């Protein structure tokens, strides 16, 4: 279910992330492994949803809808995914790009921790490097609120690195910017790709 635009986006993102990772971490020792606590039911009801061994292939649309509903998703969201093609016919049956197991992993390892905040402070702290940082924010439905973006900017300023941070907003985009504002997203990726390529060439000359 990958369009040429999505494939191109993935290729560019992969290259940019690899380059950024090498540039930003080459001078740092490997971080220590710190196991994260598993949220309890009271901390996170979604993490306890009954989605063990969720099979994303179904015999019919109705079977897919029932399984996603048991996983804790509202009917309106499932309707939207069917309309978008994220839950769709495939090879004589139905397939769901959406899995409750992925959501549980996100809650257990991301949303129920302060790892993002700590990592953000590391990026702009001592020894964090001098590379630019881009924050891409959807203007429609998004988990990244204005107050949180302002907090990111404040942390950068506190580290005297405000000039490294560039916030790019996509007013008409939803949560998945690469799907809902693909042209604008590709423009940003191409711009970054050209800049990274130019910087690499300059550093080698």
N, C-alpha and C. Protein backbone atom coordinates (compact mmCIF):
# COMPACT_ATOMS: atom_id res chain seq x y z
N UNK A 1 0.84 -1.20 0.00
CA UNK A 1 0.00 0.00 0.00
C UNK A 1 0.88 1.26 0.00
N UNK A 2 2.04 1.18 -0.63
CA UNK A 2 2.97 2.30 -0.62
C UNK A 2 2.92 3.02 -1.95
N UNK A 3 2.65 4.31 -1.93
CA UNK A 3 2.65 5.11 -3.14
C UNK A 3 4.08 5.52 -3.46
N UNK A 4 4.37 5.91 -4.72
CA UNK A 4 5.73 6.38 -5.05
C UNK A 4 6.19 7.52 -4.16
N UNK A 5 5.25 8.41 -3.81
CA UNK A 5 5.60 9.53 -2.93
C UNK A 5 6.02 9.07 -1.56
N UNK A 6 5.31 8.07 -1.03
CA UNK A 6 5.66 7.54 0.29
C UNK A 6 7.01 6.84 0.27
N UNK A 7 7.28 6.09 -0.82
CA UNK A 7 8.57 5.41 -0.93
C UNK A 7 9.69 6.42 -0.99
N UNK A 8 9.51 7.48 -1.79
CA UNK A 8 10.52 8.52 -1.89
C UNK A 8 10.73 9.21 -0.54
N UNK A 9 9.61 9.47 0.16
CA UNK A 9 9.71 10.08 1.49
C UNK A 9 10.52 9.21 2.42
N UNK A 10 10.25 7.91 2.38
CA UNK A 10 10.96 6.98 3.27
C UNK A 10 12.45 6.96 2.96
N UNK A 11 12.79 6.95 1.65
CA UNK A 11 14.20 6.93 1.28
C UNK A 11 14.92 8.18 1.77
N UNK A 12 14.28 9.34 1.59
CA UNK A 12 14.90 10.58 2.03
C UNK A 12 15.02 10.64 3.55
N UNK A 13 13.95 10.23 4.24
CA UNK A 13 13.99 10.23 5.70
C UNK A 13 15.09 9.30 6.22
N UNK A 14 15.21 8.12 5.62
CA UNK A 14 16.23 7.17 6.05
C UNK A 14 17.61 7.76 5.91
N UNK A 15 17.85 8.42 4.78
CA UNK A 15 19.16 9.01 4.57
C UNK A 15 19.43 10.13 5.57
N UNK A 16 18.44 11.00 5.76
CA UNK A 16 18.62 12.12 6.67
C UNK A 16 18.83 11.65 8.10
N UNK A 17 18.05 10.66 8.55
CA UNK A 17 18.20 10.17 9.91
C UNK A 17 19.56 9.52 10.12
N UNK A 18 20.03 8.77 9.10
CA UNK A 18 21.34 8.13 9.23
C UNK A 18 22.43 9.18 9.34
N UNK A 19 22.37 10.19 8.48
CA UNK A 19 23.38 11.25 8.51
C UNK A 19 23.34 12.01 9.83
N UNK A 20 22.12 12.33 10.29
CA UNK A 20 21.98 13.08 11.54
C UNK A 20 22.48 12.25 12.71
N UNK A 21 22.20 10.95 12.70
CA UNK A 21 22.62 10.10 13.81
C UNK A 21 24.14 10.03 13.89
N UNK A 22 24.79 9.87 12.73
CA UNK A 22 26.25 9.80 12.73
C UNK A 22 26.85 11.11 13.20
N UNK A 23 26.29 12.23 12.70
CA UNK A 23 26.84 13.53 13.05
C UNK A 23 26.66 13.86 14.52
N UNK A 24 25.54 13.43 15.09
CA UNK A 24 25.20 13.87 16.44
C UNK A 24 25.72 12.95 17.54
N UNK A 25 26.06 11.71 17.18
CA UNK A 25 26.44 10.76 18.23
C UNK A 25 27.85 10.22 18.10
N UNK A 26 28.57 10.66 17.06
CA UNK A 26 29.91 10.09 16.84
C UNK A 26 30.84 10.34 18.02
N UNK A 27 30.64 11.46 18.73
CA UNK A 27 31.56 11.82 19.81
C UNK A 27 31.08 11.34 21.18
N UNK A 28 29.94 10.63 21.21
CA UNK A 28 29.36 10.23 22.49
C UNK A 28 29.57 8.75 22.76
N UNK A 29 29.76 8.37 24.03
CA UNK A 29 29.84 6.94 24.37
C UNK A 29 28.45 6.33 24.30
N UNK A 30 28.36 4.99 24.14
CA UNK A 30 27.03 4.36 24.10
C UNK A 30 26.28 4.62 25.40
N UNK A 31 24.97 4.94 25.32
CA UNK A 31 24.21 5.19 26.54
C UNK A 31 23.98 3.90 27.31
N UNK A 32 23.90 3.97 28.63
CA UNK A 32 23.63 2.76 29.42
C UNK A 32 22.21 2.28 29.19
N UNK A 33 22.02 0.97 29.26
CA UNK A 33 20.68 0.41 29.11
C UNK A 33 19.91 0.59 30.41
N UNK A 34 18.76 1.23 30.32
CA UNK A 34 17.92 1.44 31.50
C UNK A 34 16.54 0.87 31.20
N UNK A 35 16.17 -0.25 31.81
CA UNK A 35 14.85 -0.84 31.55
C UNK A 35 13.75 0.09 32.04
N UNK A 36 12.70 0.20 31.26
CA UNK A 36 11.58 1.07 31.61
C UNK A 36 10.51 0.29 32.36
N UNK A 37 9.84 0.92 33.31
CA UNK A 37 8.79 0.21 34.04
C UNK A 37 7.57 -0.02 33.16
N UNK A 38 6.89 -1.11 33.41
CA UNK A 38 5.65 -1.39 32.69
C UNK A 38 4.48 -0.71 33.40
N UNK A 39 3.70 0.13 32.70
CA UNK A 39 2.60 0.83 33.35
C UNK A 39 1.57 -0.15 33.91
N UNK A 40 0.97 0.21 35.02
CA UNK A 40 -0.09 -0.61 35.59
C UNK A 40 -1.41 -0.23 34.93
N UNK A 41 -2.46 -1.02 35.18
CA UNK A 41 -3.76 -0.74 34.60
C UNK A 41 -4.26 0.64 35.00
N UNK A 42 -4.03 1.03 36.26
CA UNK A 42 -4.52 2.33 36.71
C UNK A 42 -3.77 3.48 36.04
N UNK A 43 -2.47 3.24 35.69
CA UNK A 43 -1.70 4.27 35.02
C UNK A 43 -2.09 4.39 33.56
N UNK A 44 -2.44 3.28 32.94
CA UNK A 44 -2.69 3.28 31.52
C UNK A 44 -3.65 2.15 31.14
N UNK A 45 -4.95 2.40 31.12
CA UNK A 45 -5.90 1.34 30.80
C UNK A 45 -5.69 0.76 29.41
N UNK A 46 -5.25 1.59 28.45
CA UNK A 46 -5.10 1.11 27.08
C UNK A 46 -4.04 0.03 27.00
N UNK A 47 -2.98 0.15 27.83
CA UNK A 47 -1.90 -0.82 27.77
C UNK A 47 -2.35 -2.21 28.20
N UNK A 48 -3.53 -2.31 28.80
CA UNK A 48 -4.03 -3.61 29.23
C UNK A 48 -5.14 -4.12 28.33
N UNK A 49 -5.31 -3.52 27.15
CA UNK A 49 -6.39 -3.94 26.26
C UNK A 49 -6.10 -5.34 25.73
N UNK A 50 -7.16 -6.11 25.45
CA UNK A 50 -6.99 -7.51 25.05
C UNK A 50 -6.57 -7.64 23.59
N UNK A 51 -5.28 -7.45 23.30
CA UNK A 51 -4.84 -7.52 21.91
C UNK A 51 -3.71 -8.53 21.73
N UNK A 52 -3.58 -9.48 22.65
CA UNK A 52 -2.51 -10.45 22.54
C UNK A 52 -2.65 -11.22 21.23
N UNK A 53 -1.51 -11.41 20.53
CA UNK A 53 -1.48 -12.16 19.27
C UNK A 53 -2.49 -11.61 18.27
N UNK A 54 -2.50 -10.31 18.11
CA UNK A 54 -3.43 -9.68 17.18
C UNK A 54 -3.01 -10.01 15.75
N UNK A 55 -3.89 -10.67 15.01
CA UNK A 55 -3.63 -11.04 13.62
C UNK A 55 -4.28 -9.99 12.73
N UNK A 56 -3.49 -9.34 11.90
CA UNK A 56 -4.01 -8.23 11.10
C UNK A 56 -4.68 -8.68 9.80
N UNK A 57 -4.73 -9.97 9.55
CA UNK A 57 -5.43 -10.49 8.37
C UNK A 57 -6.77 -11.08 8.80
N UNK A 58 -7.85 -10.73 8.06
CA UNK A 58 -9.20 -11.14 8.44
C UNK A 58 -9.96 -11.69 7.24
N UNK A 59 -10.98 -12.47 7.56
CA UNK A 59 -11.79 -13.08 6.50
C UNK A 59 -12.77 -12.09 5.89
N UNK A 60 -13.13 -11.03 6.63
CA UNK A 60 -14.11 -10.08 6.13
C UNK A 60 -13.92 -8.72 6.80
N UNK A 61 -14.58 -7.71 6.25
CA UNK A 61 -14.54 -6.38 6.86
C UNK A 61 -15.14 -6.42 8.26
N UNK A 62 -16.23 -7.15 8.41
CA UNK A 62 -16.89 -7.21 9.72
C UNK A 62 -15.97 -7.83 10.77
N UNK A 63 -15.23 -8.87 10.38
CA UNK A 63 -14.31 -9.51 11.32
C UNK A 63 -13.20 -8.54 11.73
N UNK A 64 -12.72 -7.76 10.77
CA UNK A 64 -11.69 -6.76 11.08
C UNK A 64 -12.23 -5.72 12.04
N UNK A 65 -13.45 -5.26 11.78
CA UNK A 65 -14.06 -4.25 12.65
C UNK A 65 -14.25 -4.79 14.06
N UNK A 66 -14.70 -6.03 14.19
CA UNK A 66 -14.91 -6.61 15.52
C UNK A 66 -13.59 -6.70 16.29
N UNK A 67 -12.53 -7.13 15.61
CA UNK A 67 -11.24 -7.28 16.28
C UNK A 67 -10.69 -5.93 16.73
N UNK A 68 -10.81 -4.91 15.89
CA UNK A 68 -10.32 -3.58 16.26
C UNK A 68 -11.16 -2.99 17.39
N UNK A 69 -12.45 -3.26 17.36
CA UNK A 69 -13.32 -2.78 18.43
C UNK A 69 -12.94 -3.44 19.77
N UNK A 70 -12.65 -4.74 19.74
CA UNK A 70 -12.20 -5.43 20.96
C UNK A 70 -10.87 -4.88 21.44
N UNK A 71 -10.07 -4.37 20.51
CA UNK A 71 -8.79 -3.79 20.88
C UNK A 71 -8.92 -2.41 21.50
N UNK A 72 -10.13 -1.87 21.58
CA UNK A 72 -10.35 -0.60 22.26
C UNK A 72 -10.55 0.60 21.36
N UNK A 73 -10.68 0.38 20.05
CA UNK A 73 -10.85 1.50 19.13
C UNK A 73 -12.33 1.82 18.93
N UNK A 74 -12.66 3.11 18.87
CA UNK A 74 -14.04 3.55 18.66
C UNK A 74 -14.46 3.30 17.22
N UNK A 75 -15.76 3.12 17.03
CA UNK A 75 -16.30 2.83 15.70
C UNK A 75 -15.97 3.94 14.71
N UNK A 76 -15.97 5.20 15.20
CA UNK A 76 -15.69 6.32 14.31
C UNK A 76 -14.27 6.25 13.75
N UNK A 77 -13.34 5.85 14.58
CA UNK A 77 -11.95 5.74 14.11
C UNK A 77 -11.81 4.62 13.10
N UNK A 78 -12.48 3.50 13.35
CA UNK A 78 -12.43 2.38 12.43
C UNK A 78 -13.04 2.78 11.09
N UNK A 79 -14.15 3.51 11.14
CA UNK A 79 -14.78 4.02 9.90
C UNK A 79 -13.78 4.86 9.11
N UNK A 80 -13.05 5.71 9.81
CA UNK A 80 -12.07 6.57 9.15
C UNK A 80 -10.96 5.76 8.50
N UNK A 81 -10.49 4.71 9.19
CA UNK A 81 -9.42 3.89 8.64
C UNK A 81 -9.88 3.13 7.41
N UNK A 82 -11.13 2.67 7.42
CA UNK A 82 -11.67 2.00 6.22
C UNK A 82 -11.74 2.98 5.07
N UNK A 83 -12.20 4.21 5.35
CA UNK A 83 -12.31 5.23 4.31
C UNK A 83 -10.93 5.61 3.75
N UNK A 84 -9.91 5.64 4.63
CA UNK A 84 -8.56 6.01 4.22
C UNK A 84 -7.80 4.87 3.54
N UNK A 85 -8.29 3.64 3.72
CA UNK A 85 -7.59 2.50 3.16
C UNK A 85 -6.60 1.86 4.09
N UNK A 86 -6.59 2.29 5.36
CA UNK A 86 -5.69 1.66 6.33
C UNK A 86 -6.24 0.31 6.79
N UNK A 87 -7.54 0.13 6.67
CA UNK A 87 -8.19 -1.17 6.84
C UNK A 87 -8.87 -1.45 5.50
N UNK A 88 -8.47 -2.50 4.78
CA UNK A 88 -8.85 -2.61 3.38
C UNK A 88 -8.88 -4.06 2.91
N UNK A 89 -9.53 -4.30 1.76
CA UNK A 89 -9.50 -5.64 1.17
C UNK A 89 -8.10 -5.99 0.70
N UNK A 90 -7.74 -7.28 0.86
CA UNK A 90 -6.43 -7.73 0.41
C UNK A 90 -6.44 -9.24 0.19
N UNK A 91 -6.15 -9.65 -1.05
CA UNK A 91 -5.99 -11.06 -1.39
C UNK A 91 -7.16 -11.92 -0.92
N UNK A 92 -8.35 -11.49 -1.21
CA UNK A 92 -9.53 -12.27 -0.89
C UNK A 92 -10.03 -12.13 0.53
N UNK A 93 -9.34 -11.35 1.33
CA UNK A 93 -9.79 -11.09 2.70
C UNK A 93 -9.66 -9.62 3.03
N UNK A 94 -9.39 -9.33 4.30
CA UNK A 94 -9.19 -7.94 4.73
C UNK A 94 -7.92 -7.84 5.55
N UNK A 95 -7.28 -6.68 5.49
CA UNK A 95 -6.03 -6.43 6.19
C UNK A 95 -6.12 -5.11 6.95
N UNK A 96 -5.51 -5.07 8.13
CA UNK A 96 -5.48 -3.85 8.94
C UNK A 96 -4.05 -3.37 9.11
N UNK A 97 -3.77 -2.13 8.65
CA UNK A 97 -2.47 -1.53 8.94
C UNK A 97 -2.36 -1.18 10.42
N UNK A 98 -3.50 -1.08 11.08
CA UNK A 98 -3.56 -0.66 12.48
C UNK A 98 -3.52 -1.90 13.38
N UNK A 99 -2.71 -1.84 14.43
CA UNK A 99 -2.65 -2.94 15.39
C UNK A 99 -2.65 -2.40 16.81
N UNK A 100 -3.51 -2.91 17.69
CA UNK A 100 -3.49 -2.50 19.09
C UNK A 100 -2.16 -2.79 19.77
N UNK A 101 -1.43 -3.80 19.27
CA UNK A 101 -0.13 -4.12 19.87
C UNK A 101 0.86 -2.97 19.67
N UNK A 102 0.78 -2.31 18.51
CA UNK A 102 1.64 -1.15 18.27
C UNK A 102 1.30 -0.02 19.23
N UNK A 103 0.00 0.18 19.44
CA UNK A 103 -0.42 1.22 20.38
C UNK A 103 0.06 0.91 21.79
N UNK A 104 -0.04 -0.35 22.21
CA UNK A 104 0.42 -0.72 23.54
C UNK A 104 1.92 -0.46 23.69
N UNK A 105 2.69 -0.79 22.64
CA UNK A 105 4.12 -0.54 22.69
C UNK A 105 4.42 0.94 22.84
N UNK A 106 3.65 1.78 22.13
CA UNK A 106 3.85 3.23 22.23
C UNK A 106 3.55 3.72 23.65
N UNK A 107 2.49 3.20 24.26
CA UNK A 107 2.17 3.61 25.63
C UNK A 107 3.24 3.15 26.61
N UNK A 108 3.67 1.91 26.46
CA UNK A 108 4.61 1.34 27.43
C UNK A 108 5.99 2.00 27.35
N UNK A 109 6.44 2.32 26.13
CA UNK A 109 7.81 2.76 25.92
C UNK A 109 7.95 4.26 25.63
N UNK A 110 6.84 4.95 25.35
CA UNK A 110 6.92 6.36 25.01
C UNK A 110 6.02 7.23 25.87
N UNK A 111 4.70 7.03 25.71
CA UNK A 111 3.75 7.97 26.31
C UNK A 111 3.66 7.87 27.82
N UNK A 112 4.07 6.75 28.39
CA UNK A 112 4.03 6.60 29.85
C UNK A 112 5.40 6.85 30.48
N UNK A 113 6.29 7.49 29.76
CA UNK A 113 7.62 7.80 30.29
C UNK A 113 7.93 9.27 30.00
N UNK A 114 9.01 9.75 30.60
CA UNK A 114 9.47 11.11 30.30
C UNK A 114 10.73 11.04 29.43
N UNK A 115 10.89 9.93 28.71
CA UNK A 115 12.09 9.73 27.89
C UNK A 115 12.23 10.83 26.83
N UNK A 116 11.11 11.23 26.22
CA UNK A 116 11.17 12.27 25.20
C UNK A 116 11.69 13.59 25.75
N UNK A 117 11.21 13.97 26.92
CA UNK A 117 11.65 15.23 27.54
C UNK A 117 13.14 15.16 27.90
N UNK A 118 13.55 14.01 28.46
CA UNK A 118 14.96 13.87 28.83
C UNK A 118 15.86 13.88 27.60
N UNK A 119 15.42 13.20 26.55
CA UNK A 119 16.22 13.16 25.33
C UNK A 119 16.30 14.54 24.69
N UNK A 120 15.20 15.28 24.74
CA UNK A 120 15.20 16.63 24.16
C UNK A 120 16.19 17.52 24.90
N UNK A 121 16.25 17.39 26.20
CA UNK A 121 17.22 18.18 26.97
C UNK A 121 18.65 17.77 26.63
N UNK A 122 18.87 16.48 26.37
CA UNK A 122 20.20 16.02 25.99
C UNK A 122 20.62 16.61 24.65
N UNK A 123 19.65 16.74 23.73
CA UNK A 123 19.96 17.28 22.41
C UNK A 123 20.51 18.70 22.51
N UNK A 124 19.96 19.48 23.43
CA UNK A 124 20.36 20.88 23.55
C UNK A 124 21.25 21.14 24.77
N UNK A 125 21.72 20.07 25.40
CA UNK A 125 22.59 20.24 26.55
C UNK A 125 24.05 20.24 26.15
N UNK A 126 24.92 20.18 27.16
CA UNK A 126 26.37 20.17 26.93
C UNK A 126 26.75 18.93 26.12
N UNK A 127 27.52 19.13 25.08
CA UNK A 127 27.97 18.02 24.26
C UNK A 127 26.92 17.52 23.28
N UNK A 128 25.82 18.26 23.16
CA UNK A 128 24.75 17.83 22.27
C UNK A 128 25.02 18.04 20.80
N UNK A 129 26.11 18.72 20.46
CA UNK A 129 26.42 18.95 19.06
C UNK A 129 25.91 20.29 18.58
N UNK A 130 26.19 20.59 17.32
CA UNK A 130 25.81 21.87 16.75
C UNK A 130 24.90 21.71 15.54
N UNK A 131 24.39 20.52 15.33
CA UNK A 131 23.55 20.26 14.16
C UNK A 131 22.17 20.92 14.32
N UNK A 132 21.54 21.30 13.21
CA UNK A 132 20.20 21.89 13.29
C UNK A 132 19.15 20.84 13.64
N UNK A 133 18.08 21.27 14.27
CA UNK A 133 17.00 20.37 14.67
C UNK A 133 15.70 20.90 14.09
N UNK A 134 14.96 20.04 13.41
CA UNK A 134 13.68 20.42 12.81
C UNK A 134 12.54 19.76 13.57
N UNK A 135 11.52 20.55 13.89
CA UNK A 135 10.29 20.03 14.49
C UNK A 135 9.18 20.24 13.48
N UNK A 136 8.58 19.16 13.03
CA UNK A 136 7.52 19.23 12.02
C UNK A 136 6.19 18.97 12.71
N UNK A 137 5.31 19.98 12.69
CA UNK A 137 4.09 19.95 13.49
C UNK A 137 2.85 20.00 12.58
N UNK A 138 1.95 19.05 12.76
CA UNK A 138 0.69 19.06 12.02
C UNK A 138 -0.23 20.14 12.56
N UNK A 139 -0.96 20.79 11.66
CA UNK A 139 -1.85 21.86 12.10
C UNK A 139 -3.25 21.38 12.42
N UNK A 140 -3.58 20.16 11.99
CA UNK A 140 -4.90 19.60 12.29
C UNK A 140 -4.85 18.76 13.54
N UNK A 141 -5.30 17.51 13.44
CA UNK A 141 -5.26 16.62 14.60
C UNK A 141 -3.82 16.19 14.84
N UNK A 142 -3.32 16.44 16.05
CA UNK A 142 -1.94 16.09 16.38
C UNK A 142 -1.81 15.89 17.88
N UNK A 143 -0.84 15.07 18.28
CA UNK A 143 -0.57 14.87 19.70
C UNK A 143 0.40 15.93 20.21
N UNK A 144 0.94 16.75 19.32
CA UNK A 144 1.91 17.78 19.70
C UNK A 144 1.19 19.13 19.80
N UNK A 145 0.91 19.56 21.02
CA UNK A 145 0.16 20.78 21.24
C UNK A 145 1.07 22.01 21.23
N UNK A 146 0.45 23.19 21.06
CA UNK A 146 1.22 24.44 21.01
C UNK A 146 2.07 24.63 22.25
N UNK A 147 1.50 24.32 23.42
CA UNK A 147 2.25 24.50 24.67
C UNK A 147 3.48 23.61 24.71
N UNK A 148 3.39 22.42 24.11
CA UNK A 148 4.53 21.51 24.10
C UNK A 148 5.62 21.99 23.14
N UNK A 149 5.19 22.57 22.02
CA UNK A 149 6.17 23.14 21.09
C UNK A 149 6.88 24.32 21.76
N UNK A 150 6.12 25.13 22.47
CA UNK A 150 6.73 26.26 23.19
C UNK A 150 7.71 25.77 24.25
N UNK A 151 7.39 24.65 24.88
CA UNK A 151 8.31 24.07 25.88
C UNK A 151 9.59 23.60 25.21
N UNK A 152 9.47 23.00 24.01
CA UNK A 152 10.65 22.60 23.26
C UNK A 152 11.53 23.80 22.94
N UNK A 153 10.90 24.89 22.51
CA UNK A 153 11.64 26.10 22.18
C UNK A 153 12.33 26.68 23.43
N UNK A 154 11.63 26.60 24.56
CA UNK A 154 12.20 27.13 25.80
C UNK A 154 13.43 26.33 26.21
N UNK A 155 13.37 25.01 26.09
CA UNK A 155 14.52 24.18 26.44
C UNK A 155 15.71 24.52 25.54
N UNK A 156 15.44 24.75 24.25
CA UNK A 156 16.52 25.11 23.33
C UNK A 156 17.14 26.45 23.72
N UNK A 157 16.30 27.40 24.09
CA UNK A 157 16.80 28.72 24.50
C UNK A 157 17.63 28.62 25.78
N UNK A 158 17.18 27.79 26.71
CA UNK A 158 17.91 27.63 27.96
C UNK A 158 19.30 27.04 27.72
N UNK A 159 19.42 26.25 26.68
CA UNK A 159 20.72 25.68 26.34
C UNK A 159 21.52 26.57 25.41
N UNK A 160 21.04 27.82 25.22
CA UNK A 160 21.70 28.78 24.34
C UNK A 160 21.86 28.22 22.93
N UNK A 161 20.85 27.47 22.51
CA UNK A 161 20.90 26.82 21.20
C UNK A 161 19.63 27.11 20.40
N UNK A 162 18.95 28.20 20.72
CA UNK A 162 17.69 28.48 20.06
C UNK A 162 17.79 28.57 18.56
N UNK A 163 18.96 29.02 18.06
CA UNK A 163 19.11 29.18 16.62
C UNK A 163 19.19 27.84 15.89
N UNK A 164 19.46 26.76 16.64
CA UNK A 164 19.52 25.43 16.02
C UNK A 164 18.14 24.85 15.75
N UNK A 165 17.13 25.37 16.42
CA UNK A 165 15.79 24.80 16.32
C UNK A 165 14.95 25.53 15.29
N UNK A 166 14.38 24.76 14.36
CA UNK A 166 13.48 25.31 13.35
C UNK A 166 12.15 24.56 13.46
N UNK A 167 11.07 25.29 13.73
CA UNK A 167 9.75 24.69 13.84
C UNK A 167 8.99 24.94 12.55
N UNK A 168 8.56 23.88 11.90
CA UNK A 168 7.81 23.97 10.65
C UNK A 168 6.41 23.43 10.90
N UNK A 169 5.39 24.26 10.64
CA UNK A 169 4.00 23.85 10.84
C UNK A 169 3.32 23.63 9.48
N UNK A 170 2.46 22.64 9.46
CA UNK A 170 1.71 22.29 8.26
C UNK A 170 0.22 22.46 8.57
N UNK A 171 -0.33 23.64 8.27
CA UNK A 171 -1.69 23.99 8.73
C UNK A 171 -2.78 23.00 8.32
N UNK A 172 -2.69 22.43 7.12
CA UNK A 172 -3.75 21.55 6.67
C UNK A 172 -3.51 20.08 6.95
N UNK A 173 -2.43 19.77 7.65
CA UNK A 173 -2.05 18.37 7.84
C UNK A 173 -2.67 17.77 9.09
N UNK A 174 -2.87 16.46 9.02
CA UNK A 174 -3.30 15.70 10.19
C UNK A 174 -2.10 15.06 10.86
N UNK A 175 -2.38 14.08 11.70
CA UNK A 175 -1.33 13.44 12.51
C UNK A 175 -0.19 12.91 11.63
N UNK A 176 -0.52 12.23 10.53
CA UNK A 176 0.49 11.71 9.61
C UNK A 176 0.75 12.75 8.53
N UNK A 177 1.72 13.61 8.77
CA UNK A 177 1.98 14.72 7.84
C UNK A 177 2.34 14.19 6.46
N UNK A 178 3.10 13.11 6.40
CA UNK A 178 3.54 12.58 5.11
C UNK A 178 2.40 12.05 4.27
N UNK A 179 1.25 11.78 4.89
CA UNK A 179 0.08 11.32 4.14
C UNK A 179 -0.91 12.45 3.86
N UNK A 180 -1.06 13.37 4.79
CA UNK A 180 -2.12 14.38 4.69
C UNK A 180 -1.64 15.70 4.09
N UNK A 181 -0.34 15.91 3.99
CA UNK A 181 0.21 17.10 3.34
C UNK A 181 1.47 16.69 2.60
N UNK A 182 1.30 15.74 1.68
CA UNK A 182 2.45 15.09 1.07
C UNK A 182 3.33 16.05 0.27
N UNK A 183 2.71 16.96 -0.48
CA UNK A 183 3.50 17.88 -1.30
C UNK A 183 4.39 18.78 -0.42
N UNK A 184 3.78 19.36 0.61
CA UNK A 184 4.55 20.22 1.51
C UNK A 184 5.62 19.43 2.25
N UNK A 185 5.28 18.21 2.63
CA UNK A 185 6.22 17.35 3.34
C UNK A 185 7.42 17.03 2.45
N UNK A 186 7.14 16.70 1.18
CA UNK A 186 8.22 16.39 0.26
C UNK A 186 9.11 17.60 0.00
N UNK A 187 8.51 18.78 -0.07
CA UNK A 187 9.30 20.01 -0.24
C UNK A 187 10.30 20.17 0.91
N UNK A 188 9.83 19.90 2.12
CA UNK A 188 10.71 20.00 3.28
C UNK A 188 11.84 18.98 3.21
N UNK A 189 11.50 17.73 2.86
CA UNK A 189 12.51 16.68 2.78
C UNK A 189 13.55 17.00 1.70
N UNK A 190 13.08 17.47 0.55
CA UNK A 190 14.02 17.80 -0.52
C UNK A 190 14.94 18.95 -0.11
N UNK A 191 14.36 19.93 0.58
CA UNK A 191 15.16 21.05 1.08
C UNK A 191 16.23 20.55 2.05
N UNK A 192 15.83 19.69 2.98
CA UNK A 192 16.79 19.15 3.95
C UNK A 192 17.84 18.28 3.27
N UNK A 193 17.40 17.48 2.29
CA UNK A 193 18.33 16.61 1.59
C UNK A 193 19.39 17.43 0.85
N UNK A 194 18.96 18.51 0.21
CA UNK A 194 19.90 19.37 -0.50
C UNK A 194 20.88 20.03 0.47
N UNK A 195 20.35 20.46 1.61
CA UNK A 195 21.22 21.13 2.59
C UNK A 195 22.23 20.16 3.17
N UNK A 196 21.78 18.94 3.52
CA UNK A 196 22.69 17.94 4.08
C UNK A 196 23.75 17.59 3.05
N UNK A 197 23.36 17.41 1.77
CA UNK A 197 24.31 17.07 0.73
C UNK A 197 25.32 18.18 0.55
N UNK A 198 24.87 19.43 0.56
CA UNK A 198 25.77 20.59 0.41
C UNK A 198 26.74 20.67 1.59
N UNK A 199 26.22 20.45 2.80
CA UNK A 199 27.09 20.50 4.00
C UNK A 199 28.13 19.40 3.95
N UNK A 200 27.72 18.21 3.50
CA UNK A 200 28.66 17.10 3.41
C UNK A 200 29.78 17.43 2.42
N UNK A 201 29.38 17.98 1.27
CA UNK A 201 30.37 18.30 0.25
C UNK A 201 31.34 19.35 0.78
N UNK A 202 30.79 20.37 1.46
CA UNK A 202 31.64 21.45 2.00
C UNK A 202 32.63 20.91 3.02
N UNK A 203 32.17 19.96 3.86
CA UNK A 203 33.03 19.45 4.91
C UNK A 203 34.17 18.58 4.36
N UNK A 204 33.99 18.06 3.13
CA UNK A 204 35.01 17.20 2.55
C UNK A 204 36.02 17.98 1.74
N UNK A 205 35.65 19.21 1.34
CA UNK A 205 36.55 20.02 0.49
C UNK A 205 37.66 20.62 1.33
